[in-house]
Amino acid sequence: MGKIEVNNEICKACGLCVYVCPKKVIELDKDTLNKHGFHPAKQTKDGCISCASCAVICPEAAITVYKETNK
């Protein structure tokens, strides 16, 4: 399993990450506005598979993907 981290201050809420996520665990955060007035993306559910599709498609490079490793 994995998780994503979004840099809220550079996310422009284009929604491309929401569209490409195969597990549909990303949504635009309607409760948050960044300094540019956009609702940034965020991971809202467990189930991220660390495929990095969101990070690849993000035009602002605002997403970092982390993959959990078993220890």
PDB file of N, CA and C in Angstrom:
ATOM      1  N   MET A   1       0.843  -1.182   0.000  1.00  0.00           N
ATOM      2  CA  MET A   1       0.000   0.000   0.000  1.00  0.00           C
ATOM      3  C   MET A   1       0.888   1.244   0.000  1.00  0.00           C
ATOM      4  N   GLY A   2       0.273   2.348  -0.305  1.00  0.00           N
ATOM      5  CA  GLY A   2       1.036   3.576  -0.375  1.00  0.00           C
ATOM      6  C   GLY A   2       0.230   4.772   0.081  1.00  0.00           C
ATOM      7  N   LYS A   3       0.820   5.938  -0.147  1.00  0.00           N
ATOM      8  CA  LYS A   3       0.136   7.180   0.160  1.00  0.00           C
ATOM      9  C   LYS A   3       0.720   8.278  -0.709  1.00  0.00           C
ATOM     10  N   ILE A   4      -0.035   9.362  -0.845  1.00  0.00           N
ATOM     11  CA  ILE A   4       0.473  10.510  -1.588  1.00  0.00           C
ATOM     12  C   ILE A   4       0.553  11.713  -0.669  1.00  0.00           C
ATOM     13  N   GLU A   5       1.431  12.616  -1.039  1.00  0.00           N
ATOM     14  CA  GLU A   5       1.544  13.897  -0.345  1.00  0.00           C
ATOM     15  C   GLU A   5       1.443  14.972  -1.420  1.00  0.00           C
ATOM     16  N   VAL A   6       0.547  15.929  -1.213  1.00  0.00           N
ATOM     17  CA  VAL A   6       0.340  17.003  -2.172  1.00  0.00           C
ATOM     18  C   VAL A   6       0.879  18.303  -1.597  1.00  0.00           C
ATOM     19  N   ASN A   7       1.665  19.015  -2.376  1.00  0.00           N
ATOM     20  CA  ASN A   7       2.115  20.341  -1.989  1.00  0.00           C
ATOM     21  C   ASN A   7       0.954  21.289  -2.273  1.00  0.00           C
ATOM     22  N   ASN A   8       0.197  21.608  -1.245  1.00  0.00           N
ATOM     23  CA  ASN A   8      -1.030  22.403  -1.400  1.00  0.00           C
ATOM     24  C   ASN A   8      -0.801  23.765  -2.038  1.00  0.00           C
ATOM     25  N   GLU A   9       0.347  24.356  -1.800  1.00  0.00           N
ATOM     26  CA  GLU A   9       0.574  25.714  -2.297  1.00  0.00           C
ATOM     27  C   GLU A   9       0.846  25.784  -3.791  1.00  0.00           C
ATOM     28  N   ILE A  10       1.208  24.665  -4.418  1.00  0.00           N
ATOM     29  CA  ILE A  10       1.407  24.718  -5.871  1.00  0.00           C
ATOM     30  C   ILE A  10       0.349  23.952  -6.653  1.00  0.00           C
ATOM     31  N   CYS A  11      -0.513  23.203  -5.965  1.00  0.00           N
ATOM     32  CA  CYS A  11      -1.605  22.499  -6.637  1.00  0.00           C
ATOM     33  C   CYS A  11      -2.595  23.513  -7.201  1.00  0.00           C
ATOM     34  N   LYS A  12      -2.955  23.334  -8.457  1.00  0.00           N
ATOM     35  CA  LYS A  12      -3.898  24.248  -9.104  1.00  0.00           C
ATOM     36  C   LYS A  12      -5.267  23.617  -9.330  1.00  0.00           C
ATOM     37  N   ALA A  13      -5.547  22.526  -8.654  1.00  0.00           N
ATOM     38  CA  ALA A  13      -6.864  21.889  -8.661  1.00  0.00           C
ATOM     39  C   ALA A  13      -7.361  21.555 -10.058  1.00  0.00           C
ATOM     40  N   CYS A  14      -6.463  21.100 -10.923  1.00  0.00           N
ATOM     41  CA  CYS A  14      -6.873  20.755 -12.292  1.00  0.00           C
ATOM     42  C   CYS A  14      -7.703  19.478 -12.323  1.00  0.00           C
ATOM     43  N   GLY A  15      -7.522  18.604 -11.325  1.00  0.00           N
ATOM     44  CA  GLY A  15      -8.307  17.381 -11.238  1.00  0.00           C
ATOM     45  C   GLY A  15      -7.765  16.220 -12.054  1.00  0.00           C
ATOM     46  N   LEU A  16      -6.645  16.392 -12.719  1.00  0.00           N
ATOM     47  CA  LEU A  16      -6.096  15.293 -13.520  1.00  0.00           C
ATOM     48  C   LEU A  16      -5.737  14.094 -12.653  1.00  0.00           C
ATOM     49  N   CYS A  17      -5.207  14.344 -11.465  1.00  0.00           N
ATOM     50  CA  CYS A  17      -4.851  13.240 -10.568  1.00  0.00           C
ATOM     51  C   CYS A  17      -6.091  12.463 -10.132  1.00  0.00           C
ATOM     52  N   VAL A  18      -7.167  13.176  -9.893  1.00  0.00           N
ATOM     53  CA  VAL A  18      -8.430  12.536  -9.512  1.00  0.00           C
ATOM     54  C   VAL A  18      -8.899  11.630 -10.648  1.00  0.00           C
ATOM     55  N   TYR A  19      -8.783  12.114 -11.865  1.00  0.00           N
ATOM     56  CA  TYR A  19      -9.239  11.385 -13.046  1.00  0.00           C
ATOM     57  C   TYR A  19      -8.429  10.106 -13.294  1.00  0.00           C
ATOM     58  N   VAL A  20      -7.098  10.169 -13.126  1.00  0.00           N
ATOM     59  CA  VAL A  20      -6.268   9.014 -13.482  1.00  0.00           C
ATOM     60  C   VAL A  20      -6.087   7.998 -12.369  1.00  0.00           C
ATOM     61  N   CYS A  21      -6.461   8.323 -11.157  1.00  0.00           N
ATOM     62  CA  CYS A  21      -6.255   7.392 -10.041  1.00  0.00           C
ATOM     63  C   CYS A  21      -7.090   6.128 -10.244  1.00  0.00           C
ATOM     64  N   PRO A  22      -6.446   4.964 -10.395  1.00  0.00           N
ATOM     65  CA  PRO A  22      -7.210   3.733 -10.648  1.00  0.00           C
ATOM     66  C   PRO A  22      -8.021   3.269  -9.439  1.00  0.00           C
ATOM     67  N   LYS A  23      -7.631   3.663  -8.252  1.00  0.00           N
ATOM     68  CA  LYS A  23      -8.332   3.255  -7.034  1.00  0.00           C
ATOM     69  C   LYS A  23      -9.290   4.327  -6.517  1.00  0.00           C
ATOM     70  N   LYS A  24      -9.312   5.475  -7.181  1.00  0.00           N
ATOM     71  CA  LYS A  24     -10.228   6.579  -6.824  1.00  0.00           C
ATOM     72  C   LYS A  24     -10.104   6.980  -5.355  1.00  0.00           C
ATOM     73  N   VAL A  25      -8.856   7.185  -4.925  1.00  0.00           N
ATOM     74  CA  VAL A  25      -8.607   7.583  -3.534  1.00  0.00           C
ATOM     75  C   VAL A  25      -8.231   9.058  -3.404  1.00  0.00           C
ATOM     76  N   ILE A  26      -8.275   9.805  -4.517  1.00  0.00           N
ATOM     77  CA  ILE A  26      -7.909  11.221  -4.509  1.00  0.00           C
ATOM     78  C   ILE A  26      -9.133  12.065  -4.855  1.00  0.00           C
ATOM     79  N   GLU A  27      -9.309  13.147  -4.113  1.00  0.00           N
ATOM     80  CA  GLU A  27     -10.382  14.105  -4.374  1.00  0.00           C
ATOM     81  C   GLU A  27      -9.839  15.508  -4.176  1.00  0.00           C
ATOM     82  N   LEU A  28     -10.546  16.494  -4.709  1.00  0.00           N
ATOM     83  CA  LEU A  28     -10.203  17.880  -4.422  1.00  0.00           C
ATOM     84  C   LEU A  28     -10.783  18.228  -3.062  1.00  0.00           C
ATOM     85  N   ASP A  29      -9.991  18.875  -2.227  1.00  0.00           N
ATOM     86  CA  ASP A  29     -10.372  19.189  -0.849  1.00  0.00           C
ATOM     87  C   ASP A  29     -11.223  20.456  -0.824  1.00  0.00           C
ATOM     88  N   LYS A  30     -12.519  20.286  -0.773  1.00  0.00           N
ATOM     89  CA  LYS A  30     -13.452  21.420  -0.791  1.00  0.00           C
ATOM     90  C   LYS A  30     -13.418  22.241   0.499  1.00  0.00           C
ATOM     91  N   ASP A  31     -12.736  21.754   1.521  1.00  0.00           N
ATOM     92  CA  ASP A  31     -12.645  22.473   2.793  1.00  0.00           C
ATOM     93  C   ASP A  31     -11.375  23.319   2.911  1.00  0.00           C
ATOM     94  N   THR A  32     -10.498  23.242   1.905  1.00  0.00           N
ATOM     95  CA  THR A  32      -9.223  23.947   1.966  1.00  0.00           C
ATOM     96  C   THR A  32      -9.028  24.802   0.726  1.00  0.00           C
ATOM     97  N   LEU A  33      -8.520  26.001   0.926  1.00  0.00           N
ATOM     98  CA  LEU A  33      -8.110  26.878  -0.182  1.00  0.00           C
ATOM     99  C   LEU A  33      -6.637  27.199  -0.006  1.00  0.00           C
ATOM    100  N   ASN A  34      -5.872  27.125  -1.096  1.00  0.00           N
ATOM    101  CA  ASN A  34      -4.477  27.534  -1.003  1.00  0.00           C
ATOM    102  C   ASN A  34      -4.356  29.033  -1.276  1.00  0.00           C
ATOM    103  N   LYS A  35      -3.146  29.554  -1.298  1.00  0.00           N
ATOM    104  CA  LYS A  35      -2.945  30.996  -1.444  1.00  0.00           C
ATOM    105  C   LYS A  35      -3.395  31.534  -2.801  1.00  0.00           C
ATOM    106  N   HIS A  36      -3.600  30.639  -3.764  1.00  0.00           N
ATOM    107  CA  HIS A  36      -4.071  31.048  -5.092  1.00  0.00           C
ATOM    108  C   HIS A  36      -5.588  30.912  -5.239  1.00  0.00           C
ATOM    109  N   GLY A  37      -6.250  30.417  -4.203  1.00  0.00           N
ATOM    110  CA  GLY A  37      -7.698  30.265  -4.226  1.00  0.00           C
ATOM    111  C   GLY A  37      -8.190  28.956  -4.807  1.00  0.00           C
ATOM    112  N   PHE A  38      -7.316  27.956  -4.885  1.00  0.00           N
ATOM    113  CA  PHE A  38      -7.690  26.652  -5.426  1.00  0.00           C
ATOM    114  C   PHE A  38      -7.921  25.647  -4.302  1.00  0.00           C
ATOM    115  N   HIS A  39      -8.777  24.675  -4.554  1.00  0.00           N
ATOM    116  CA  HIS A  39      -8.992  23.551  -3.640  1.00  0.00           C
ATOM    117  C   HIS A  39      -8.002  22.453  -4.015  1.00  0.00           C
ATOM    118  N   PRO A  40      -6.950  22.246  -3.234  1.00  0.00           N
ATOM    119  CA  PRO A  40      -5.925  21.265  -3.612  1.00  0.00           C
ATOM    120  C   PRO A  40      -6.424  19.828  -3.500  1.00  0.00           C
ATOM    121  N   ALA A  41      -5.744  18.963  -4.210  1.00  0.00           N
ATOM    122  CA  ALA A  41      -6.057  17.534  -4.153  1.00  0.00           C
ATOM    123  C   ALA A  41      -5.566  16.953  -2.836  1.00  0.00           C
ATOM    124  N   LYS A  42      -6.191  15.846  -2.439  1.00  0.00           N
ATOM    125  CA  LYS A  42      -5.707  15.112  -1.269  1.00  0.00           C
ATOM    126  C   LYS A  42      -6.179  13.675  -1.347  1.00  0.00           C
ATOM    127  N   GLN A  43      -5.454  12.806  -0.674  1.00  0.00           N
ATOM    128  CA  GLN A  43      -5.856  11.411  -0.579  1.00  0.00           C
ATOM    129  C   GLN A  43      -6.937  11.322   0.477  1.00  0.00           C
ATOM    130  N   THR A  44      -8.086  10.798   0.120  1.00  0.00           N
ATOM    131  CA  THR A  44      -9.213  10.770   1.048  1.00  0.00           C
ATOM    132  C   THR A  44      -9.546   9.379   1.569  1.00  0.00           C
ATOM    133  N   LYS A  45      -8.929   8.351   0.990  1.00  0.00           N
ATOM    134  CA  LYS A  45      -9.221   6.978   1.406  1.00  0.00           C
ATOM    135  C   LYS A  45      -7.932   6.170   1.401  1.00  0.00           C
ATOM    136  N   ASP A  46      -7.944   5.070   2.117  1.00  0.00           N
ATOM    137  CA  ASP A  46      -6.862   4.098   2.014  1.00  0.00           C
ATOM    138  C   ASP A  46      -7.045   3.342   0.704  1.00  0.00           C
ATOM    139  N   GLY A  47      -6.002   2.713   0.259  1.00  0.00           N
ATOM    140  CA  GLY A  47      -6.103   1.903  -0.943  1.00  0.00           C
ATOM    141  C   GLY A  47      -5.154   2.325  -2.051  1.00  0.00           C
ATOM    142  N   CYS A  48      -4.357   3.359  -1.802  1.00  0.00           N
ATOM    143  CA  CYS A  48      -3.360   3.793  -2.790  1.00  0.00           C
ATOM    144  C   CYS A  48      -2.417   2.628  -3.073  1.00  0.00           C
ATOM    145  N   ILE A  49      -2.147   2.372  -4.351  1.00  0.00           N
ATOM    146  CA  ILE A  49      -1.258   1.273  -4.733  1.00  0.00           C
ATOM    147  C   ILE A  49       0.119   1.773  -5.185  1.00  0.00           C
ATOM    148  N   SER A  50       0.385   3.039  -4.972  1.00  0.00           N
ATOM    149  CA  SER A  50       1.675   3.654  -5.322  1.00  0.00           C
ATOM    150  C   SER A  50       2.011   3.517  -6.801  1.00  0.00           C
ATOM    151  N   CYS A  51       1.008   3.598  -7.656  1.00  0.00           N
ATOM    152  CA  CYS A  51       1.257   3.470  -9.094  1.00  0.00           C
ATOM    153  C   CYS A  51       1.910   4.723  -9.670  1.00  0.00           C
ATOM    154  N   ALA A  52       1.760   5.850  -8.973  1.00  0.00           N
ATOM    155  CA  ALA A  52       2.350   7.141  -9.342  1.00  0.00           C
ATOM    156  C   ALA A  52       1.730   7.770 -10.585  1.00  0.00           C
ATOM    157  N   SER A  53       0.595   7.286 -11.023  1.00  0.00           N
ATOM    158  CA  SER A  53      -0.085   7.918 -12.164  1.00  0.00           C
ATOM    159  C   SER A  53      -0.409   9.371 -11.865  1.00  0.00           C
ATOM    160  N   CYS A  54      -0.794   9.644 -10.642  1.00  0.00           N
ATOM    161  CA  CYS A  54      -1.132  11.012 -10.247  1.00  0.00           C
ATOM    162  C   CYS A  54       0.081  11.935 -10.338  1.00  0.00           C
ATOM    163  N   ALA A  55       1.212  11.457  -9.856  1.00  0.00           N
ATOM    164  CA  ALA A  55       2.429  12.272  -9.878  1.00  0.00           C
ATOM    165  C   ALA A  55       2.918  12.504 -11.302  1.00  0.00           C
ATOM    166  N   VAL A  56       2.793  11.508 -12.149  1.00  0.00           N
ATOM    167  CA  VAL A  56       3.241  11.630 -13.536  1.00  0.00           C
ATOM    168  C   VAL A  56       2.396  12.638 -14.303  1.00  0.00           C
ATOM    169  N   ILE A  57       1.080  12.629 -14.081  1.00  0.00           N
ATOM    170  CA  ILE A  57       0.198  13.505 -14.854  1.00  0.00           C
ATOM    171  C   ILE A  57       0.120  14.923 -14.294  1.00  0.00           C
ATOM    172  N   CYS A  58       0.545  15.139 -13.072  1.00  0.00           N
ATOM    173  CA  CYS A  58       0.431  16.458 -12.442  1.00  0.00           C
ATOM    174  C   CYS A  58       1.307  17.487 -13.163  1.00  0.00           C
ATOM    175  N   PRO A  59       0.695  18.509 -13.778  1.00  0.00           N
ATOM    176  CA  PRO A  59       1.486  19.492 -14.512  1.00  0.00           C
ATOM    177  C   PRO A  59       2.323  20.399 -13.615  1.00  0.00           C
ATOM    178  N   GLU A  60       2.010  20.444 -12.343  1.00  0.00           N
ATOM    179  CA  GLU A  60       2.745  21.290 -11.404  1.00  0.00           C
ATOM    180  C   GLU A  60       3.773  20.517 -10.581  1.00  0.00           C
ATOM    181  N   ALA A  61       3.850  19.206 -10.772  1.00  0.00           N
ATOM    182  CA  ALA A  61       4.734  18.337  -9.988  1.00  0.00           C
ATOM    183  C   ALA A  61       4.487  18.535  -8.486  1.00  0.00           C
ATOM    184  N   ALA A  62       3.222  18.598  -8.123  1.00  0.00           N
ATOM    185  CA  ALA A  62       2.827  18.869  -6.740  1.00  0.00           C
ATOM    186  C   ALA A  62       2.624  17.603  -5.912  1.00  0.00           C
ATOM    187  N   ILE A  63       2.755  16.435  -6.526  1.00  0.00           N
ATOM    188  CA  ILE A  63       2.440  15.188  -5.832  1.00  0.00           C
ATOM    189  C   ILE A  63       3.683  14.324  -5.672  1.00  0.00           C
ATOM    190  N   THR A  64       3.870  13.834  -4.444  1.00  0.00           N
ATOM    191  CA  THR A  64       4.917  12.867  -4.135  1.00  0.00           C
ATOM    192  C   THR A  64       4.221  11.590  -3.691  1.00  0.00           C
ATOM    193  N   VAL A  65       4.669  10.470  -4.212  1.00  0.00           N
ATOM    194  CA  VAL A  65       4.069   9.174  -3.897  1.00  0.00           C
ATOM    195  C   VAL A  65       5.029   8.383  -3.021  1.00  0.00           C
ATOM    196  N   TYR A  66       4.492   7.797  -1.971  1.00  0.00           N
ATOM    197  CA  TYR A  66       5.279   6.972  -1.061  1.00  0.00           C
ATOM    198  C   TYR A  66       4.748   5.555  -1.086  1.00  0.00           C
ATOM    199  N   LYS A  67       5.647   4.602  -1.111  1.00  0.00           N
ATOM    200  CA  LYS A  67       5.259   3.194  -1.067  1.00  0.00           C
ATOM    201  C   LYS A  67       5.715   2.614   0.251  1.00  0.00           C
ATOM    202  N   GLU A  68       4.778   1.990   0.955  1.00  0.00           N
ATOM    203  CA  GLU A  68       5.117   1.372   2.230  1.00  0.00           C
ATOM    204  C   GLU A  68       5.837   0.057   1.964  1.00  0.00           C
ATOM    205  N   THR A  69       6.884  -0.175   2.711  1.00  0.00           N
ATOM    206  CA  THR A  69       7.629  -1.417   2.584  1.00  0.00           C
ATOM    207  C   THR A  69       7.450  -2.237   3.840  1.00  0.00           C
ATOM    208  N   ASN A  70       7.442  -3.532   3.660  1.00  0.00           N
ATOM    209  CA  ASN A  70       7.351  -4.440   4.815  1.00  0.00           C
ATOM    210  C   ASN A  70       8.714  -4.567   5.445  1.00  0.00           C
ATOM    211  N   LYS A  71       8.751  -4.491   6.763  1.00  0.00           N
ATOM    212  CA  LYS A  71      10.028  -4.604   7.478  1.00  0.00           C
ATOM    213  C   LYS A  71      10.115  -5.910   8.189  1.00  0.00           C
TER     214      LYS A  71
END
